[in-house]
Amino acid sequence: MSVIATAGCQSPAEAPSGPEQVYRDACLICHAGPGASAPDLTTLSAVNGGSFPMEEVIAIIDGRQDVRAHGSPMPVWGARYSTEDIRSLAAYLATIQQS
């Protein structure tokens, strides 16, 4: 009978799933860079009179509020992320606002 040594063999580390990672994975493709087809998420406060529209942002992300500013329909992230994840993402967006 042979024994297979497995010491040192580990599953790959899971990718971070915090709000910054969700922003990079789910938002930036449409909301940043030269090919952006949707509004820059770092200027939401600036275009809203200096106030971050937290509840509106949450409603847009979870799909309760339709967005007309996108060139195509925005994915409904409420089906993929929990309410807590969406609130964390919105709170993160509030921290990256530029004037």
PDB file of N, CA and C in Angstrom:
ATOM      1  N   MET A   1       0.847  -1.168   0.000  1.00  0.00           N
ATOM      2  CA  MET A   1       0.000   0.000   0.000  1.00  0.00           C
ATOM      3  C   MET A   1       0.892   1.230   0.000  1.00  0.00           C
ATOM      4  N   SER A   2       0.616   2.170  -0.867  1.00  0.00           N
ATOM      5  CA  SER A   2       1.435   3.376  -0.888  1.00  0.00           C
ATOM      6  C   SER A   2       0.674   4.539  -0.294  1.00  0.00           C
ATOM      7  N   VAL A   3       1.432   5.429   0.269  1.00  0.00           N
ATOM      8  CA  VAL A   3       0.844   6.619   0.885  1.00  0.00           C
ATOM      9  C   VAL A   3       1.236   7.819   0.034  1.00  0.00           C
ATOM     10  N   ILE A   4       0.262   8.605  -0.303  1.00  0.00           N
ATOM     11  CA  ILE A   4       0.533   9.811  -1.098  1.00  0.00           C
ATOM     12  C   ILE A   4       0.635  10.987  -0.144  1.00  0.00           C
ATOM     13  N   ALA A   5       1.765  11.633  -0.176  1.00  0.00           N
ATOM     14  CA  ALA A   5       1.967  12.790   0.701  1.00  0.00           C
ATOM     15  C   ALA A   5       1.216  13.983   0.147  1.00  0.00           C
ATOM     16  N   THR A   6       0.433  14.623   1.012  1.00  0.00           N
ATOM     17  CA  THR A   6      -0.324  15.798   0.575  1.00  0.00           C
ATOM     18  C   THR A   6       0.057  17.044   1.357  1.00  0.00           C
ATOM     19  N   ALA A   7       1.030  16.923   2.213  1.00  0.00           N
ATOM     20  CA  ALA A   7       1.456  18.101   2.962  1.00  0.00           C
ATOM     21  C   ALA A   7       1.936  19.157   1.988  1.00  0.00           C
ATOM     22  N   GLY A   8       1.508  20.352   2.200  1.00  0.00           N
ATOM     23  CA  GLY A   8       1.902  21.441   1.323  1.00  0.00           C
ATOM     24  C   GLY A   8       0.946  21.638   0.161  1.00  0.00           C
ATOM     25  N   CYS A   9       0.096  20.674  -0.094  1.00  0.00           N
ATOM     26  CA  CYS A   9      -0.907  20.839  -1.150  1.00  0.00           C
ATOM     27  C   CYS A   9      -2.108  21.537  -0.539  1.00  0.00           C
ATOM     28  N   GLN A  10      -2.445  22.652  -1.101  1.00  0.00           N
ATOM     29  CA  GLN A  10      -3.574  23.402  -0.585  1.00  0.00           C
ATOM     30  C   GLN A  10      -4.442  23.850  -1.735  1.00  0.00           C
ATOM     31  N   SER A  11      -5.673  24.092  -1.429  1.00  0.00           N
ATOM     32  CA  SER A  11      -6.564  24.663  -2.428  1.00  0.00           C
ATOM     33  C   SER A  11      -6.112  26.082  -2.703  1.00  0.00           C
ATOM     34  N   PRO A  12      -6.310  26.545  -3.928  1.00  0.00           N
ATOM     35  CA  PRO A  12      -5.951  27.924  -4.214  1.00  0.00           C
ATOM     36  C   PRO A  12      -6.744  28.867  -3.322  1.00  0.00           C
ATOM     37  N   ALA A  13      -6.118  29.949  -2.924  1.00  0.00           N
ATOM     38  CA  ALA A  13      -6.797  30.934  -2.087  1.00  0.00           C
ATOM     39  C   ALA A  13      -7.957  31.542  -2.867  1.00  0.00           C
ATOM     40  N   GLU A  14      -9.045  31.758  -2.176  1.00  0.00           N
ATOM     41  CA  GLU A  14     -10.193  32.384  -2.819  1.00  0.00           C
ATOM     42  C   GLU A  14      -9.902  33.867  -3.038  1.00  0.00           C
ATOM     43  N   ALA A  15     -10.411  34.391  -4.133  1.00  0.00           N
ATOM     44  CA  ALA A  15     -10.235  35.809  -4.419  1.00  0.00           C
ATOM     45  C   ALA A  15     -11.002  36.621  -3.387  1.00  0.00           C
ATOM     46  N   PRO A  16     -10.474  37.791  -3.029  1.00  0.00           N
ATOM     47  CA  PRO A  16     -11.191  38.630  -2.075  1.00  0.00           C
ATOM     48  C   PRO A  16     -12.555  39.009  -2.650  1.00  0.00           C
ATOM     49  N   SER A  17     -13.546  39.067  -1.789  1.00  0.00           N
ATOM     50  CA  SER A  17     -14.887  39.379  -2.274  1.00  0.00           C
ATOM     51  C   SER A  17     -15.449  40.626  -1.620  1.00  0.00           C
ATOM     52  N   GLY A  18     -14.584  41.480  -1.094  1.00  0.00           N
ATOM     53  CA  GLY A  18     -15.033  42.708  -0.475  1.00  0.00           C
ATOM     54  C   GLY A  18     -15.542  43.696  -1.512  1.00  0.00           C
ATOM     55  N   PRO A  19     -16.059  44.824  -1.052  1.00  0.00           N
ATOM     56  CA  PRO A  19     -16.659  45.788  -1.977  1.00  0.00           C
ATOM     57  C   PRO A  19     -15.693  46.342  -3.017  1.00  0.00           C
ATOM     58  N   GLU A  20     -14.432  46.515  -2.655  1.00  0.00           N
ATOM     59  CA  GLU A  20     -13.460  47.012  -3.636  1.00  0.00           C
ATOM     60  C   GLU A  20     -13.267  45.996  -4.759  1.00  0.00           C
ATOM     61  N   GLN A  21     -13.239  44.721  -4.411  1.00  0.00           N
ATOM     62  CA  GLN A  21     -13.099  43.670  -5.420  1.00  0.00           C
ATOM     63  C   GLN A  21     -14.356  43.587  -6.294  1.00  0.00           C
ATOM     64  N   VAL A  22     -15.518  43.700  -5.684  1.00  0.00           N
ATOM     65  CA  VAL A  22     -16.766  43.698  -6.456  1.00  0.00           C
ATOM     66  C   VAL A  22     -16.772  44.870  -7.422  1.00  0.00           C
ATOM     67  N   TYR A  23     -16.329  46.045  -6.965  1.00  0.00           N
ATOM     68  CA  TYR A  23     -16.238  47.227  -7.818  1.00  0.00           C
ATOM     69  C   TYR A  23     -15.335  46.948  -9.024  1.00  0.00           C
ATOM     70  N   ARG A  24     -14.177  46.361  -8.762  1.00  0.00           N
ATOM     71  CA  ARG A  24     -13.253  46.057  -9.863  1.00  0.00           C
ATOM     72  C   ARG A  24     -13.834  45.011 -10.811  1.00  0.00           C
ATOM     73  N   ASP A  25     -14.465  43.988 -10.253  1.00  0.00           N
ATOM     74  CA  ASP A  25     -14.966  42.884 -11.075  1.00  0.00           C
ATOM     75  C   ASP A  25     -16.262  43.206 -11.820  1.00  0.00           C
ATOM     76  N   ALA A  26     -17.162  43.937 -11.176  1.00  0.00           N
ATOM     77  CA  ALA A  26     -18.493  44.110 -11.749  1.00  0.00           C
ATOM     78  C   ALA A  26     -18.776  45.502 -12.307  1.00  0.00           C
ATOM     79  N   CYS A  27     -18.062  46.514 -11.845  1.00  0.00           N
ATOM     80  CA  CYS A  27     -18.426  47.890 -12.214  1.00  0.00           C
ATOM     81  C   CYS A  27     -17.487  48.539 -13.225  1.00  0.00           C
ATOM     82  N   LEU A  28     -16.206  48.338 -13.038  1.00  0.00           N
ATOM     83  CA  LEU A  28     -15.231  49.087 -13.837  1.00  0.00           C
ATOM     84  C   LEU A  28     -15.318  48.847 -15.330  1.00  0.00           C
ATOM     85  N   ILE A  29     -15.726  47.672 -15.740  1.00  0.00           N
ATOM     86  CA  ILE A  29     -15.763  47.377 -17.168  1.00  0.00           C
ATOM     87  C   ILE A  29     -16.662  48.358 -17.917  1.00  0.00           C
ATOM     88  N   CYS A  30     -17.718  48.805 -17.287  1.00  0.00           N
ATOM     89  CA  CYS A  30     -18.640  49.752 -17.945  1.00  0.00           C
ATOM     90  C   CYS A  30     -18.499  51.184 -17.444  1.00  0.00           C
ATOM     91  N   HIS A  31     -17.959  51.349 -16.247  1.00  0.00           N
ATOM     92  CA  HIS A  31     -17.971  52.667 -15.608  1.00  0.00           C
ATOM     93  C   HIS A  31     -16.628  53.386 -15.560  1.00  0.00           C
ATOM     94  N   ALA A  32     -15.596  52.858 -16.204  1.00  0.00           N
ATOM     95  CA  ALA A  32     -14.295  53.530 -16.152  1.00  0.00           C
ATOM     96  C   ALA A  32     -13.504  53.269 -17.429  1.00  0.00           C
ATOM     97  N   GLY A  33     -12.563  54.137 -17.673  1.00  0.00           N
ATOM     98  CA  GLY A  33     -11.663  53.963 -18.805  1.00  0.00           C
ATOM     99  C   GLY A  33     -12.201  54.543 -20.096  1.00  0.00           C
ATOM    100  N   PRO A  34     -11.383  54.465 -21.119  1.00  0.00           N
ATOM    101  CA  PRO A  34     -11.738  55.084 -22.393  1.00  0.00           C
ATOM    102  C   PRO A  34     -12.951  54.452 -23.078  1.00  0.00           C
ATOM    103  N   GLY A  35     -13.237  53.200 -22.800  1.00  0.00           N
ATOM    104  CA  GLY A  35     -14.375  52.537 -23.423  1.00  0.00           C
ATOM    105  C   GLY A  35     -15.635  52.556 -22.571  1.00  0.00           C
ATOM    106  N   ALA A  36     -15.646  53.375 -21.514  1.00  0.00           N
ATOM    107  CA  ALA A  36     -16.780  53.394 -20.591  1.00  0.00           C
ATOM    108  C   ALA A  36     -18.075  53.751 -21.310  1.00  0.00           C
ATOM    109  N   SER A  37     -19.092  52.944 -21.071  1.00  0.00           N
ATOM    110  CA  SER A  37     -20.392  53.183 -21.686  1.00  0.00           C
ATOM    111  C   SER A  37     -21.410  53.702 -20.686  1.00  0.00           C
ATOM    112  N   ALA A  38     -20.997  53.846 -19.432  1.00  0.00           N
ATOM    113  CA  ALA A  38     -21.894  54.273 -18.365  1.00  0.00           C
ATOM    114  C   ALA A  38     -21.214  55.374 -17.547  1.00  0.00           C
ATOM    115  N   PRO A  39     -21.972  56.095 -16.737  1.00  0.00           N
ATOM    116  CA  PRO A  39     -21.408  57.205 -15.952  1.00  0.00           C
ATOM    117  C   PRO A  39     -20.252  56.782 -15.042  1.00  0.00           C
ATOM    118  N   ASP A  40     -19.337  57.714 -14.829  1.00  0.00           N
ATOM    119  CA  ASP A  40     -18.206  57.518 -13.922  1.00  0.00           C
ATOM    120  C   ASP A  40     -18.735  57.486 -12.488  1.00  0.00           C
ATOM    121  N   LEU A  41     -18.549  56.383 -11.809  1.00  0.00           N
ATOM    122  CA  LEU A  41     -19.077  56.216 -10.457  1.00  0.00           C
ATOM    123  C   LEU A  41     -18.327  57.026  -9.411  1.00  0.00           C
ATOM    124  N   THR A  42     -17.207  57.623  -9.779  1.00  0.00           N
ATOM    125  CA  THR A  42     -16.458  58.444  -8.821  1.00  0.00           C
ATOM    126  C   THR A  42     -16.940  59.890  -8.820  1.00  0.00           C
ATOM    127  N   THR A  43     -17.917  60.213  -9.659  1.00  0.00           N
ATOM    128  CA  THR A  43     -18.410  61.604  -9.719  1.00  0.00           C
ATOM    129  C   THR A  43     -19.883  61.713  -9.333  1.00  0.00           C
ATOM    130  N   LEU A  44     -20.435  60.704  -8.704  1.00  0.00           N
ATOM    131  CA  LEU A  44     -21.849  60.736  -8.334  1.00  0.00           C
ATOM    132  C   LEU A  44     -22.179  61.870  -7.370  1.00  0.00           C
ATOM    133  N   SER A  45     -21.302  62.121  -6.411  1.00  0.00           N
ATOM    134  CA  SER A  45     -21.539  63.231  -5.481  1.00  0.00           C
ATOM    135  C   SER A  45     -21.478  64.567  -6.216  1.00  0.00           C
ATOM    136  N   ALA A  46     -20.507  64.718  -7.088  1.00  0.00           N
ATOM    137  CA  ALA A  46     -20.331  65.980  -7.815  1.00  0.00           C
ATOM    138  C   ALA A  46     -21.557  66.307  -8.662  1.00  0.00           C
ATOM    139  N   VAL A  47     -22.133  65.315  -9.304  1.00  0.00           N
ATOM    140  CA  VAL A  47     -23.297  65.581 -10.153  1.00  0.00           C
ATOM    141  C   VAL A  47     -24.602  65.630  -9.362  1.00  0.00           C
ATOM    142  N   ASN A  48     -24.517  65.393  -8.067  1.00  0.00           N
ATOM    143  CA  ASN A  48     -25.687  65.461  -7.190  1.00  0.00           C
ATOM    144  C   ASN A  48     -25.519  66.540  -6.122  1.00  0.00           C
ATOM    145  N   GLY A  49     -24.930  67.646  -6.521  1.00  0.00           N
ATOM    146  CA  GLY A  49     -24.809  68.791  -5.626  1.00  0.00           C
ATOM    147  C   GLY A  49     -23.916  68.569  -4.423  1.00  0.00           C
ATOM    148  N   GLY A  50     -22.949  67.667  -4.541  1.00  0.00           N
ATOM    149  CA  GLY A  50     -22.013  67.423  -3.443  1.00  0.00           C
ATOM    150  C   GLY A  50     -22.476  66.372  -2.442  1.00  0.00           C
ATOM    151  N   SER A  51     -23.615  65.770  -2.688  1.00  0.00           N
ATOM    152  CA  SER A  51     -24.157  64.768  -1.776  1.00  0.00           C
ATOM    153  C   SER A  51     -24.221  63.416  -2.476  1.00  0.00           C
ATOM    154  N   PHE A  52     -23.699  62.395  -1.827  1.00  0.00           N
ATOM    155  CA  PHE A  52     -23.730  61.056  -2.407  1.00  0.00           C
ATOM    156  C   PHE A  52     -25.138  60.486  -2.266  1.00  0.00           C
ATOM    157  N   PRO A  53     -25.764  60.084  -3.367  1.00  0.00           N
ATOM    158  CA  PRO A  53     -27.145  59.582  -3.331  1.00  0.00           C
ATOM    159  C   PRO A  53     -27.232  58.105  -2.931  1.00  0.00           C
ATOM    160  N   MET A  54     -26.940  57.817  -1.682  1.00  0.00           N
ATOM    161  CA  MET A  54     -26.799  56.444  -1.195  1.00  0.00           C
ATOM    162  C   MET A  54     -27.991  55.555  -1.533  1.00  0.00           C
ATOM    163  N   GLU A  55     -29.195  55.958  -1.148  1.00  0.00           N
ATOM    164  CA  GLU A  55     -30.363  55.090  -1.368  1.00  0.00           C
ATOM    165  C   GLU A  55     -30.660  54.900  -2.849  1.00  0.00           C
ATOM    166  N   GLU A  56     -30.447  55.920  -3.658  1.00  0.00           N
ATOM    167  CA  GLU A  56     -30.650  55.791  -5.102  1.00  0.00           C
ATOM    168  C   GLU A  56     -29.632  54.821  -5.697  1.00  0.00           C
ATOM    169  N   VAL A  57     -28.388  54.918  -5.259  1.00  0.00           N
ATOM    170  CA  VAL A  57     -27.339  54.019  -5.743  1.00  0.00           C
ATOM    171  C   VAL A  57     -27.683  52.573  -5.382  1.00  0.00           C
ATOM    172  N   ILE A  58     -28.118  52.353  -4.164  1.00  0.00           N
ATOM    173  CA  ILE A  58     -28.496  51.000  -3.733  1.00  0.00           C
ATOM    174  C   ILE A  58     -29.654  50.479  -4.587  1.00  0.00           C
ATOM    175  N   ALA A  59     -30.652  51.312  -4.833  1.00  0.00           N
ATOM    176  CA  ALA A  59     -31.817  50.900  -5.629  1.00  0.00           C
ATOM    177  C   ALA A  59     -31.426  50.597  -7.075  1.00  0.00           C
ATOM    178  N   ILE A  60     -30.459  51.320  -7.600  1.00  0.00           N
ATOM    179  CA  ILE A  60     -29.993  51.055  -8.968  1.00  0.00           C
ATOM    180  C   ILE A  60     -29.235  49.737  -9.020  1.00  0.00           C
ATOM    181  N   ILE A  61     -28.341  49.533  -8.061  1.00  0.00           N
ATOM    182  CA  ILE A  61     -27.547  48.300  -8.048  1.00  0.00           C
ATOM    183  C   ILE A  61     -28.439  47.072  -7.883  1.00  0.00           C
ATOM    184  N   ASP A  62     -29.408  47.145  -6.967  1.00  0.00           N
ATOM    185  CA  ASP A  62     -30.218  45.941  -6.723  1.00  0.00           C
ATOM    186  C   ASP A  62     -31.358  45.759  -7.726  1.00  0.00           C
ATOM    187  N   GLY A  63     -31.529  46.738  -8.623  1.00  0.00           N
ATOM    188  CA  GLY A  63     -32.495  46.586  -9.701  1.00  0.00           C
ATOM    189  C   GLY A  63     -33.859  47.189  -9.450  1.00  0.00           C
ATOM    190  N   ARG A  64     -34.068  47.819  -8.281  1.00  0.00           N
ATOM    191  CA  ARG A  64     -35.369  48.425  -7.998  1.00  0.00           C
ATOM    192  C   ARG A  64     -35.587  49.708  -8.790  1.00  0.00           C
ATOM    193  N   GLN A  65     -34.515  50.341  -9.215  1.00  0.00           N
ATOM    194  CA  GLN A  65     -34.625  51.583  -9.987  1.00  0.00           C
ATOM    195  C   GLN A  65     -33.933  51.396 -11.334  1.00  0.00           C
ATOM    196  N   ASP A  66     -34.654  51.698 -12.388  1.00  0.00           N
ATOM    197  CA  ASP A  66     -34.123  51.593 -13.740  1.00  0.00           C
ATOM    198  C   ASP A  66     -33.153  52.742 -13.992  1.00  0.00           C
ATOM    199  N   VAL A  67     -32.159  52.499 -14.810  1.00  0.00           N
ATOM    200  CA  VAL A  67     -31.169  53.527 -15.127  1.00  0.00           C
ATOM    201  C   VAL A  67     -31.258  53.853 -16.601  1.00  0.00           C
ATOM    202  N   ARG A  68     -31.525  55.096 -16.913  1.00  0.00           N
ATOM    203  CA  ARG A  68     -31.624  55.524 -18.307  1.00  0.00           C
ATOM    204  C   ARG A  68     -30.298  56.031 -18.840  1.00  0.00           C
ATOM    205  N   ALA A  69     -29.320  56.290 -17.980  1.00  0.00           N
ATOM    206  CA  ALA A  69     -28.042  56.860 -18.412  1.00  0.00           C
ATOM    207  C   ALA A  69     -27.147  55.838 -19.100  1.00  0.00           C
ATOM    208  N   HIS A  70     -27.415  54.561 -18.914  1.00  0.00           N
ATOM    209  CA  HIS A  70     -26.602  53.522 -19.534  1.00  0.00           C
ATOM    210  C   HIS A  70     -26.952  53.387 -21.008  1.00  0.00           C
ATOM    211  N   GLY A  71     -25.968  53.015 -21.794  1.00  0.00           N
ATOM    212  CA  GLY A  71     -26.205  52.764 -23.207  1.00  0.00           C
ATOM    213  C   GLY A  71     -27.003  51.494 -23.425  1.00  0.00           C
ATOM    214  N   SER A  72     -26.957  50.604 -22.469  1.00  0.00           N
ATOM    215  CA  SER A  72     -27.729  49.364 -22.517  1.00  0.00           C
ATOM    216  C   SER A  72     -28.186  49.076 -21.095  1.00  0.00           C
ATOM    217  N   PRO A  73     -29.113  48.155 -20.922  1.00  0.00           N
ATOM    218  CA  PRO A  73     -29.601  47.886 -19.560  1.00  0.00           C
ATOM    219  C   PRO A  73     -28.474  47.457 -18.622  1.00  0.00           C
ATOM    220  N   MET A  74     -28.499  47.991 -17.415  1.00  0.00           N
ATOM    221  CA  MET A  74     -27.517  47.610 -16.406  1.00  0.00           C
ATOM    222  C   MET A  74     -27.925  46.258 -15.819  1.00  0.00           C
ATOM    223  N   PRO A  75     -26.961  45.385 -15.576  1.00  0.00           N
ATOM    224  CA  PRO A  75     -27.308  44.104 -14.938  1.00  0.00           C
ATOM    225  C   PRO A  75     -27.978  44.345 -13.590  1.00  0.00           C
ATOM    226  N   VAL A  76     -28.890  43.481 -13.229  1.00  0.00           N
ATOM    227  CA  VAL A  76     -29.534  43.555 -11.925  1.00  0.00           C
ATOM    228  C   VAL A  76     -28.667  42.757 -10.963  1.00  0.00           C
ATOM    229  N   TRP A  77     -27.891  43.465 -10.174  1.00  0.00           N
ATOM    230  CA  TRP A  77     -26.947  42.809  -9.280  1.00  0.00           C
ATOM    231  C   TRP A  77     -27.618  42.259  -8.035  1.00  0.00           C
ATOM    232  N   GLY A  78     -28.864  42.638  -7.782  1.00  0.00           N
ATOM    233  CA  GLY A  78     -29.583  42.125  -6.623  1.00  0.00           C
ATOM    234  C   GLY A  78     -29.790  40.628  -6.666  1.00  0.00           C
ATOM    235  N   ALA A  79     -29.750  40.064  -7.859  1.00  0.00           N
ATOM    236  CA  ALA A  79     -29.882  38.612  -7.995  1.00  0.00           C
ATOM    237  C   ALA A  79     -28.568  37.899  -7.704  1.00  0.00           C
ATOM    238  N   ARG A  80     -27.459  38.621  -7.784  1.00  0.00           N
ATOM    239  CA  ARG A  80     -26.145  38.002  -7.587  1.00  0.00           C
ATOM    240  C   ARG A  80     -25.561  38.285  -6.207  1.00  0.00           C
ATOM    241  N   TYR A  81     -25.812  39.496  -5.690  1.00  0.00           N
ATOM    242  CA  TYR A  81     -25.221  39.897  -4.414  1.00  0.00           C
ATOM    243  C   TYR A  81     -26.299  40.086  -3.354  1.00  0.00           C
ATOM    244  N   SER A  82     -25.924  39.849  -2.112  1.00  0.00           N
ATOM    245  CA  SER A  82     -26.860  40.024  -1.004  1.00  0.00           C
ATOM    246  C   SER A  82     -27.087  41.519  -0.745  1.00  0.00           C
ATOM    247  N   THR A  83     -28.120  41.822   0.010  1.00  0.00           N
ATOM    248  CA  THR A  83     -28.403  43.205   0.393  1.00  0.00           C
ATOM    249  C   THR A  83     -27.202  43.797   1.115  1.00  0.00           C
ATOM    250  N   GLU A  84     -26.577  43.026   1.969  1.00  0.00           N
ATOM    251  CA  GLU A  84     -25.395  43.487   2.708  1.00  0.00           C
ATOM    252  C   GLU A  84     -24.240  43.803   1.749  1.00  0.00           C
ATOM    253  N   ASP A  85     -24.028  42.929   0.751  1.00  0.00           N
ATOM    254  CA  ASP A  85     -22.974  43.170  -0.239  1.00  0.00           C
ATOM    255  C   ASP A  85     -23.238  44.465  -1.009  1.00  0.00           C
ATOM    256  N   ILE A  86     -24.484  44.670  -1.390  1.00  0.00           N
ATOM    257  CA  ILE A  86     -24.836  45.860  -2.163  1.00  0.00           C
ATOM    258  C   ILE A  86     -24.660  47.117  -1.323  1.00  0.00           C
ATOM    259  N   ARG A  87     -25.058  47.063  -0.071  1.00  0.00           N
ATOM    260  CA  ARG A  87     -24.859  48.222   0.821  1.00  0.00           C
ATOM    261  C   ARG A  87     -23.368  48.490   1.031  1.00  0.00           C
ATOM    262  N   SER A  88     -22.579  47.439   1.148  1.00  0.00           N
ATOM    263  CA  SER A  88     -21.125  47.610   1.299  1.00  0.00           C
ATOM    264  C   SER A  88     -20.526  48.221   0.041  1.00  0.00           C
ATOM    265  N   LEU A  89     -20.993  47.785  -1.124  1.00  0.00           N
ATOM    266  CA  LEU A  89     -20.510  48.349  -2.375  1.00  0.00           C
ATOM    267  C   LEU A  89     -20.874  49.825  -2.474  1.00  0.00           C
ATOM    268  N   ALA A  90     -22.114  50.172  -2.137  1.00  0.00           N
ATOM    269  CA  ALA A  90     -22.528  51.574  -2.179  1.00  0.00           C
ATOM    270  C   ALA A  90     -21.711  52.415  -1.203  1.00  0.00           C
ATOM    271  N   ALA A  91     -21.436  51.886  -0.005  1.00  0.00           N
ATOM    272  CA  ALA A  91     -20.616  52.605   0.967  1.00  0.00           C
ATOM    273  C   ALA A  91     -19.196  52.800   0.419  1.00  0.00           C
ATOM    274  N   TYR A  92     -18.672  51.786  -0.252  1.00  0.00           N
ATOM    275  CA  TYR A  92     -17.358  51.916  -0.868  1.00  0.00           C
ATOM    276  C   TYR A  92     -17.379  52.998  -1.942  1.00  0.00           C
ATOM    277  N   LEU A  93     -18.416  53.010  -2.779  1.00  0.00           N
ATOM    278  CA  LEU A  93     -18.519  54.037  -3.814  1.00  0.00           C
ATOM    279  C   LEU A  93     -18.519  55.438  -3.192  1.00  0.00           C
ATOM    280  N   ALA A  94     -19.160  55.579  -2.052  1.00  0.00           N
ATOM    281  CA  ALA A  94     -19.182  56.888  -1.370  1.00  0.00           C
ATOM    282  C   ALA A  94     -17.764  57.330  -0.988  1.00  0.00           C
ATOM    283  N   THR A  95     -16.884  56.373  -0.713  1.00  0.00           N
ATOM    284  CA  THR A  95     -15.523  56.728  -0.278  1.00  0.00           C
ATOM    285  C   THR A  95     -14.603  57.102  -1.433  1.00  0.00           C
ATOM    286  N   ILE A  96     -14.985  56.808  -2.658  1.00  0.00           N
ATOM    287  CA  ILE A  96     -14.101  57.081  -3.795  1.00  0.00           C
ATOM    288  C   ILE A  96     -14.574  58.260  -4.635  1.00  0.00           C
ATOM    289  N   GLN A  97     -15.460  59.073  -4.074  1.00  0.00           N
ATOM    290  CA  GLN A  97     -15.977  60.216  -4.810  1.00  0.00           C
ATOM    291  C   GLN A  97     -14.913  61.296  -4.978  1.00  0.00           C
ATOM    292  N   GLN A  98     -14.904  61.870  -6.172  1.00  0.00           N
ATOM    293  CA  GLN A  98     -13.988  62.978  -6.501  1.00  0.00           C
ATOM    294  C   GLN A  98     -14.827  64.226  -6.710  1.00  0.00           C
ATOM    295  N   SER A  99     -14.227  65.366  -6.459  1.00  0.00           N
ATOM    296  CA  SER A  99     -14.981  66.606  -6.671  1.00  0.00           C
ATOM    297  C   SER A  99     -14.809  67.124  -8.082  1.00  0.00           C
TER     298      SER A  99
END
